Amino acid sequence: MTIYRSINALAESVNGLYKTELVHRRGPWRGLEDLERGTLGWVGWFNHRRLFAAIGYIPPVEYEANLTRETVPPGAGTQ
């Protein structure tokens, strides 16, 4: 059960950030389509440009790319 609580806490944390940083700060929204466009921009920023202290002040995409380079042997998955 502990792993599920951790995952749920992480999801709630990201939802809270989303609401604080986008929904409430940039609202009111004209409609659902406006909010959807705003959400796409926020997700792009969150994954590609936002710097996270816990992973060395780099964006999540860069951290994941570094992990993949370190853990996947060269040529793995090629045929």
C-alpha atoms as a PDB file:
ATOM      1  CA  MET A   1       0.000   0.000   0.000  1.00  0.00           C
ATOM      2  CA  THR A   2       2.882   2.410   0.651  1.00  0.00           C
ATOM      3  CA  ILE A   3       3.883   2.644  -3.029  1.00  0.00           C
ATOM      4  CA  TYR A   4       0.314   3.573  -3.984  1.00  0.00           C
ATOM      5  CA  ARG A   5       0.228   6.306  -1.353  1.00  0.00           C
ATOM      6  CA  SER A   6       3.498   7.701  -2.715  1.00  0.00           C
ATOM      7  CA  ILE A   7       2.200   7.704  -6.281  1.00  0.00           C
ATOM      8  CA  ASN A   8      -1.046   9.323  -5.167  1.00  0.00           C
ATOM      9  CA  ALA A   9       0.870  11.990  -3.229  1.00  0.00           C
ATOM     10  CA  LEU A  10       2.995  12.735  -6.296  1.00  0.00           C
ATOM     11  CA  ALA A  11      -0.085  13.020  -8.518  1.00  0.00           C
ATOM     12  CA  GLU A  12      -1.774  15.339  -6.018  1.00  0.00           C
ATOM     13  CA  SER A  13       1.372  17.457  -5.867  1.00  0.00           C
ATOM     14  CA  VAL A  14       1.524  17.863  -9.658  1.00  0.00           C
ATOM     15  CA  ASN A  15      -2.210  18.636  -9.774  1.00  0.00           C
ATOM     16  CA  GLY A  16      -1.693  21.297  -7.107  1.00  0.00           C
ATOM     17  CA  LEU A  17       1.165  22.865  -9.063  1.00  0.00           C
ATOM     18  CA  TYR A  18      -0.929  22.831 -12.245  1.00  0.00           C
ATOM     19  CA  LYS A  19      -3.836  24.570 -10.543  1.00  0.00           C
ATOM     20  CA  THR A  20      -1.628  27.117  -8.767  1.00  0.00           C
ATOM     21  CA  GLU A  21       0.725  27.914 -11.643  1.00  0.00           C
ATOM     22  CA  LEU A  22      -1.746  27.842 -14.517  1.00  0.00           C
ATOM     23  CA  VAL A  23      -5.442  27.540 -13.744  1.00  0.00           C
ATOM     24  CA  HIS A  24      -5.721  30.118 -10.949  1.00  0.00           C
ATOM     25  CA  ARG A  25      -2.875  32.420 -11.971  1.00  0.00           C
ATOM     26  CA  ARG A  26      -3.898  32.856 -15.614  1.00  0.00           C
ATOM     27  CA  GLY A  27      -7.654  32.516 -15.296  1.00  0.00           C
ATOM     28  CA  PRO A  28     -10.453  33.225 -15.722  1.00  0.00           C
ATOM     29  CA  TRP A  29     -10.581  31.136 -18.888  1.00  0.00           C
ATOM     30  CA  ARG A  30     -12.909  31.944 -21.792  1.00  0.00           C
ATOM     31  CA  GLY A  31     -13.755  28.272 -22.289  1.00  0.00           C
ATOM     32  CA  LEU A  32     -12.532  24.699 -22.272  1.00  0.00           C
ATOM     33  CA  GLU A  33     -10.553  25.117 -25.498  1.00  0.00           C
ATOM     34  CA  ASP A  34      -8.621  28.024 -23.956  1.00  0.00           C
ATOM     35  CA  LEU A  35      -7.825  25.964 -20.885  1.00  0.00           C
ATOM     36  CA  GLU A  36      -6.731  23.017 -23.045  1.00  0.00           C
ATOM     37  CA  ARG A  37      -4.303  25.237 -24.995  1.00  0.00           C
ATOM     38  CA  GLY A  38      -2.978  26.670 -21.756  1.00  0.00           C
ATOM     39  CA  THR A  39      -2.533  23.162 -20.363  1.00  0.00           C
ATOM     40  CA  LEU A  40      -0.511  22.052 -23.388  1.00  0.00           C
ATOM     41  CA  GLY A  41       1.805  25.018 -22.948  1.00  0.00           C
ATOM     42  CA  TRP A  42       2.162  24.410 -19.213  1.00  0.00           C
ATOM     43  CA  VAL A  43       2.990  20.710 -19.690  1.00  0.00           C
ATOM     44  CA  GLY A  44       5.621  21.613 -22.290  1.00  0.00           C
ATOM     45  CA  TRP A  45       7.166  24.167 -19.943  1.00  0.00           C
ATOM     46  CA  PHE A  46       6.958  21.792 -16.956  1.00  0.00           C
ATOM     47  CA  ASN A  47       8.748  18.963 -18.787  1.00  0.00           C
ATOM     48  CA  HIS A  48      11.188  20.850 -21.033  1.00  0.00           C
ATOM     49  CA  ARG A  49      12.134  24.130 -19.360  1.00  0.00           C
ATOM     50  CA  ARG A  50      11.341  24.053 -15.642  1.00  0.00           C
ATOM     51  CA  LEU A  51      14.419  23.442 -13.501  1.00  0.00           C
ATOM     52  CA  PHE A  52      14.048  20.960 -10.638  1.00  0.00           C
ATOM     53  CA  ALA A  53      16.373  21.235  -7.659  1.00  0.00           C
ATOM     54  CA  ALA A  54      15.915  17.570  -6.693  1.00  0.00           C
ATOM     55  CA  ILE A  55      17.449  16.394  -9.979  1.00  0.00           C
ATOM     56  CA  GLY A  56      20.292  18.898 -10.258  1.00  0.00           C
ATOM     57  CA  TYR A  57      18.506  22.001 -11.587  1.00  0.00           C
ATOM     58  CA  ILE A  58      17.750  20.508 -14.982  1.00  0.00           C
ATOM     59  CA  PRO A  59      14.410  19.874 -16.734  1.00  0.00           C
ATOM     60  CA  PRO A  60      12.810  16.413 -16.383  1.00  0.00           C
ATOM     61  CA  VAL A  61      13.289  15.640 -20.095  1.00  0.00           C
ATOM     62  CA  GLU A  62      17.036  16.229 -19.808  1.00  0.00           C
ATOM     63  CA  TYR A  63      17.249  14.124 -16.644  1.00  0.00           C
ATOM     64  CA  GLU A  64      15.398  11.255 -18.320  1.00  0.00           C
ATOM     65  CA  ALA A  65      17.638  11.469 -21.398  1.00  0.00           C
ATOM     66  CA  ASN A  66      20.716  11.316 -19.157  1.00  0.00           C
ATOM     67  CA  LEU A  67      19.318   8.289 -17.331  1.00  0.00           C
ATOM     68  CA  THR A  68      18.546   6.518 -20.595  1.00  0.00           C
ATOM     69  CA  ARG A  69      22.072   7.124 -21.911  1.00  0.00           C
ATOM     70  CA  GLU A  70      23.551   5.731 -18.690  1.00  0.00           C
ATOM     71  CA  THR A  71      21.364   2.632 -18.359  1.00  0.00           C
ATOM     72  CA  VAL A  72      20.707   1.457 -21.923  1.00  0.00           C
ATOM     73  CA  PRO A  73      23.693  -0.188 -23.628  1.00  0.00           C
ATOM     74  CA  PRO A  74      24.608   1.213 -27.055  1.00  0.00           C
ATOM     75  CA  GLY A  75      22.722  -0.556 -29.828  1.00  0.00           C
ATOM     76  CA  ALA A  76      20.092  -1.967 -27.486  1.00  0.00           C
ATOM     77  CA  GLY A  77      16.744  -2.354 -29.210  1.00  0.00           C
ATOM     78  CA  THR A  78      18.157  -2.117 -32.740  1.00  0.00           C
ATOM     79  CA  GLN A  79      17.803  -4.878 -35.248  1.00  0.00           C
END
